[in-house]
Amino acid sequence: MAALFAANPSAYAGSQRDEQDAARRAMLDGQVMPFSVIKRRVDAAMGGATYLGSEFNPSTNRYRLKYVKDGKVLWVDADGRTGDIIGWAR
């Protein structure tokens, strides 16, 4: 997959745009909270980790936020409906 995006960066930009559009539609339809609210909640639980980015899964209405702290990458899954943290991964 990475090779595909390296060969065609516009494919990655398009998929990112589609993801953002899906997140916005879900928020406007009342299916998920605004991302800014979810990010604030997760930031508060991350103890000073640096935010790197996020992904949205429209089929589950979940966000995956990426952070780095002490040289380690942390992934945090949040429920888009409630803003609750539902999982962590390193």
N, C-alpha and C. Protein backbone atom coordinates (compact mmCIF):
# COMPACT_ATOMS: atom_id res chain seq x y z
N MET A 1 0.83 -1.19 0.00
CA MET A 1 0.00 0.00 0.00
C MET A 1 0.87 1.25 0.00
N ALA A 2 1.92 1.26 0.82
CA ALA A 2 2.81 2.42 0.88
C ALA A 2 3.44 2.67 -0.48
N ALA A 3 3.78 1.59 -1.19
CA ALA A 3 4.37 1.74 -2.51
C ALA A 3 3.40 2.42 -3.46
N LEU A 4 2.12 2.09 -3.33
CA LEU A 4 1.10 2.73 -4.17
C LEU A 4 1.08 4.23 -3.93
N PHE A 5 1.09 4.64 -2.65
CA PHE A 5 1.06 6.06 -2.34
C PHE A 5 2.35 6.76 -2.74
N ALA A 6 3.48 6.06 -2.63
CA ALA A 6 4.75 6.65 -3.05
C ALA A 6 4.75 6.88 -4.55
N ALA A 7 4.17 5.95 -5.29
CA ALA A 7 4.13 6.07 -6.74
C ALA A 7 3.08 7.08 -7.18
N ASN A 8 2.05 7.27 -6.38
CA ASN A 8 0.95 8.16 -6.75
C ASN A 8 0.48 8.93 -5.52
N PRO A 9 1.20 10.00 -5.13
CA PRO A 9 0.84 10.73 -3.92
C PRO A 9 -0.58 11.29 -3.94
N SER A 10 -1.13 11.54 -5.13
CA SER A 10 -2.49 12.08 -5.18
C SER A 10 -3.50 11.04 -4.71
N ALA A 11 -3.18 9.75 -4.81
CA ALA A 11 -4.09 8.71 -4.30
C ALA A 11 -4.21 8.83 -2.79
N TYR A 12 -3.09 9.10 -2.11
CA TYR A 12 -3.12 9.27 -0.65
C TYR A 12 -3.90 10.53 -0.30
N ALA A 13 -3.65 11.61 -1.00
CA ALA A 13 -4.37 12.86 -0.73
C ALA A 13 -5.86 12.66 -0.93
N GLY A 14 -6.23 11.90 -1.95
CA GLY A 14 -7.65 11.64 -2.21
C GLY A 14 -8.28 10.82 -1.12
N SER A 15 -7.57 9.80 -0.64
CA SER A 15 -8.13 8.97 0.43
C SER A 15 -8.25 9.76 1.73
N GLN A 16 -7.28 10.63 1.98
CA GLN A 16 -7.33 11.47 3.16
C GLN A 16 -8.51 12.44 3.08
N ARG A 17 -8.74 12.99 1.93
CA ARG A 17 -9.86 13.91 1.72
C ARG A 17 -11.19 13.18 1.90
N ASP A 18 -11.29 11.96 1.36
CA ASP A 18 -12.50 11.16 1.52
C ASP A 18 -12.78 10.89 2.99
N GLU A 19 -11.72 10.57 3.75
CA GLU A 19 -11.84 10.30 5.18
C GLU A 19 -12.34 11.54 5.92
N GLN A 20 -11.79 12.68 5.58
CA GLN A 20 -12.21 13.93 6.21
C GLN A 20 -13.66 14.26 5.85
N ASP A 21 -14.03 14.03 4.61
CA ASP A 21 -15.42 14.27 4.19
C ASP A 21 -16.38 13.35 4.95
N ALA A 22 -16.00 12.09 5.11
CA ALA A 22 -16.85 11.14 5.84
C ALA A 22 -17.01 11.57 7.30
N ALA A 23 -15.92 12.02 7.92
CA ALA A 23 -15.98 12.47 9.31
C ALA A 23 -16.87 13.70 9.43
N ARG A 24 -16.75 14.61 8.50
CA ARG A 24 -17.58 15.82 8.54
C ARG A 24 -19.06 15.48 8.37
N ARG A 25 -19.36 14.59 7.41
CA ARG A 25 -20.76 14.18 7.20
C ARG A 25 -21.33 13.52 8.45
N ALA A 26 -20.54 12.65 9.08
CA ALA A 26 -21.00 11.97 10.29
C ALA A 26 -21.25 12.98 11.41
N MET A 27 -20.41 14.00 11.52
CA MET A 27 -20.59 15.02 12.55
C MET A 27 -21.85 15.85 12.25
N LEU A 28 -22.02 16.25 11.01
CA LEU A 28 -23.19 17.06 10.65
C LEU A 28 -24.49 16.27 10.80
N ASP A 29 -24.42 14.94 10.61
CA ASP A 29 -25.60 14.07 10.79
C ASP A 29 -25.85 13.72 12.24
N GLY A 30 -24.99 14.19 13.14
CA GLY A 30 -25.16 13.92 14.56
C GLY A 30 -24.70 12.53 14.98
N GLN A 31 -23.94 11.86 14.13
CA GLN A 31 -23.46 10.51 14.44
C GLN A 31 -22.20 10.53 15.29
N VAL A 32 -21.41 11.59 15.19
CA VAL A 32 -20.18 11.71 15.98
C VAL A 32 -20.07 13.13 16.53
N MET A 33 -19.28 13.24 17.59
CA MET A 33 -19.00 14.55 18.19
C MET A 33 -18.01 15.29 17.29
N PRO A 34 -17.93 16.61 17.42
CA PRO A 34 -16.89 17.34 16.68
C PRO A 34 -15.51 16.81 17.07
N PHE A 35 -14.62 16.69 16.09
CA PHE A 35 -13.29 16.14 16.34
C PHE A 35 -12.53 16.97 17.38
N SER A 36 -12.72 18.28 17.38
CA SER A 36 -12.00 19.12 18.34
C SER A 36 -12.32 18.73 19.78
N VAL A 37 -13.55 18.33 20.04
CA VAL A 37 -13.96 17.91 21.39
C VAL A 37 -13.29 16.58 21.74
N ILE A 38 -13.32 15.65 20.79
CA ILE A 38 -12.70 14.34 21.01
C ILE A 38 -11.20 14.50 21.24
N LYS A 39 -10.55 15.31 20.41
CA LYS A 39 -9.10 15.51 20.54
C LYS A 39 -8.75 16.12 21.89
N ARG A 40 -9.52 17.08 22.36
CA ARG A 40 -9.26 17.69 23.68
C ARG A 40 -9.34 16.64 24.78
N ARG A 41 -10.34 15.77 24.69
CA ARG A 41 -10.50 14.71 25.71
C ARG A 41 -9.31 13.76 25.70
N VAL A 42 -8.90 13.35 24.52
CA VAL A 42 -7.78 12.41 24.42
C VAL A 42 -6.48 13.11 24.84
N ASP A 43 -6.27 14.35 24.39
CA ASP A 43 -5.08 15.11 24.78
C ASP A 43 -4.93 15.15 26.30
N ALA A 44 -6.04 15.35 27.00
CA ALA A 44 -6.02 15.45 28.46
C ALA A 44 -5.54 14.16 29.10
N ALA A 45 -5.80 13.03 28.44
CA ALA A 45 -5.40 11.74 28.98
C ALA A 45 -3.98 11.33 28.57
N MET A 46 -3.36 12.11 27.69
CA MET A 46 -2.08 11.70 27.12
C MET A 46 -0.86 12.25 27.86
N GLY A 47 -1.06 13.03 28.90
CA GLY A 47 0.04 13.47 29.73
C GLY A 47 1.19 14.15 29.01
N GLY A 48 0.88 15.06 28.12
CA GLY A 48 1.93 15.84 27.45
C GLY A 48 2.51 15.20 26.20
N ALA A 49 1.95 14.10 25.73
CA ALA A 49 2.42 13.50 24.48
C ALA A 49 2.13 14.45 23.33
N THR A 50 2.92 14.35 22.28
CA THR A 50 2.77 15.20 21.10
C THR A 50 1.83 14.54 20.09
N TYR A 51 0.79 15.26 19.70
CA TYR A 51 -0.19 14.78 18.73
C TYR A 51 0.44 14.80 17.34
N LEU A 52 0.28 13.69 16.60
CA LEU A 52 0.85 13.59 15.25
C LEU A 52 -0.18 13.54 14.14
N GLY A 53 -1.40 13.08 14.44
CA GLY A 53 -2.41 12.98 13.39
C GLY A 53 -3.51 12.03 13.79
N SER A 54 -4.46 11.83 12.87
CA SER A 54 -5.59 10.96 13.18
C SER A 54 -6.14 10.33 11.93
N GLU A 55 -6.94 9.29 12.15
CA GLU A 55 -7.69 8.62 11.10
C GLU A 55 -9.13 8.47 11.58
N PHE A 56 -10.06 8.43 10.63
CA PHE A 56 -11.47 8.22 10.97
C PHE A 56 -11.97 7.01 10.21
N ASN A 57 -12.66 6.12 10.90
CA ASN A 57 -13.26 4.95 10.27
C ASN A 57 -14.77 5.17 10.22
N PRO A 58 -15.32 5.49 9.05
CA PRO A 58 -16.75 5.79 8.95
C PRO A 58 -17.66 4.58 9.20
N SER A 59 -17.14 3.37 9.04
CA SER A 59 -18.01 2.20 9.26
C SER A 59 -18.22 1.94 10.76
N THR A 60 -17.30 2.41 11.61
CA THR A 60 -17.44 2.21 13.06
C THR A 60 -17.61 3.53 13.82
N ASN A 61 -17.47 4.66 13.11
CA ASN A 61 -17.50 5.99 13.74
C ASN A 61 -16.46 6.10 14.86
N ARG A 62 -15.27 5.57 14.59
CA ARG A 62 -14.18 5.63 15.55
C ARG A 62 -13.02 6.43 14.98
N TYR A 63 -12.35 7.12 15.87
CA TYR A 63 -11.14 7.84 15.52
C TYR A 63 -9.95 7.10 16.08
N ARG A 64 -8.83 7.14 15.38
CA ARG A 64 -7.55 6.64 15.88
C ARG A 64 -6.60 7.84 15.83
N LEU A 65 -6.14 8.25 17.01
CA LEU A 65 -5.25 9.39 17.13
C LEU A 65 -3.84 8.88 17.41
N LYS A 66 -2.86 9.51 16.79
CA LYS A 66 -1.47 9.09 16.90
C LYS A 66 -0.69 10.14 17.69
N TYR A 67 0.07 9.67 18.68
CA TYR A 67 0.89 10.53 19.53
C TYR A 67 2.29 9.95 19.63
N VAL A 68 3.23 10.79 20.07
CA VAL A 68 4.56 10.31 20.40
C VAL A 68 4.93 10.87 21.77
N LYS A 69 5.49 9.98 22.62
CA LYS A 69 5.93 10.40 23.95
C LYS A 69 7.15 9.57 24.32
N ASP A 70 8.18 10.26 24.76
CA ASP A 70 9.43 9.59 25.15
C ASP A 70 9.94 8.68 24.04
N GLY A 71 9.82 9.14 22.80
CA GLY A 71 10.32 8.39 21.66
C GLY A 71 9.47 7.20 21.24
N LYS A 72 8.32 7.01 21.85
CA LYS A 72 7.44 5.89 21.52
C LYS A 72 6.15 6.40 20.89
N VAL A 73 5.73 5.72 19.83
CA VAL A 73 4.48 6.08 19.16
C VAL A 73 3.33 5.38 19.87
N LEU A 74 2.29 6.13 20.15
CA LEU A 74 1.10 5.60 20.82
C LEU A 74 -0.12 5.86 19.93
N TRP A 75 -0.95 4.84 19.79
CA TRP A 75 -2.21 4.98 19.06
C TRP A 75 -3.34 4.91 20.08
N VAL A 76 -4.28 5.82 19.98
CA VAL A 76 -5.42 5.85 20.90
C VAL A 76 -6.69 5.80 20.06
N ASP A 77 -7.54 4.83 20.35
CA ASP A 77 -8.83 4.71 19.67
C ASP A 77 -9.90 5.38 20.52
N ALA A 78 -10.71 6.21 19.87
CA ALA A 78 -11.78 6.92 20.57
C ALA A 78 -13.10 6.70 19.85
N ASP A 79 -14.16 6.51 20.63
CA ASP A 79 -15.50 6.37 20.09
C ASP A 79 -15.97 7.75 19.65
N GLY A 80 -16.29 7.89 18.38
CA GLY A 80 -16.72 9.18 17.85
C GLY A 80 -18.04 9.66 18.40
N ARG A 81 -18.88 8.74 18.85
CA ARG A 81 -20.20 9.12 19.38
C ARG A 81 -20.09 9.73 20.77
N THR A 82 -19.21 9.15 21.61
CA THR A 82 -19.12 9.56 23.01
C THR A 82 -17.84 10.32 23.35
N GLY A 83 -16.81 10.15 22.52
CA GLY A 83 -15.51 10.74 22.83
C GLY A 83 -14.69 9.92 23.81
N ASP A 84 -15.23 8.78 24.24
CA ASP A 84 -14.53 7.92 25.19
C ASP A 84 -13.36 7.20 24.54
N ILE A 85 -12.26 7.06 25.28
CA ILE A 85 -11.14 6.26 24.83
C ILE A 85 -11.54 4.79 24.96
N ILE A 86 -11.38 4.05 23.87
CA ILE A 86 -11.80 2.65 23.88
C ILE A 86 -10.64 1.68 23.66
N GLY A 87 -9.44 2.21 23.43
CA GLY A 87 -8.29 1.34 23.25
C GLY A 87 -6.99 2.10 23.09
N TRP A 88 -5.88 1.42 23.41
CA TRP A 88 -4.54 1.98 23.30
C TRP A 88 -3.65 0.95 22.61
N ALA A 89 -2.68 1.41 21.88
CA ALA A 89 -1.69 0.50 21.29
C ALA A 89 -0.36 1.24 21.17
N ARG A 90 0.72 0.47 21.24
CA ARG A 90 2.07 1.04 21.07
C ARG A 90 2.68 0.47 19.82
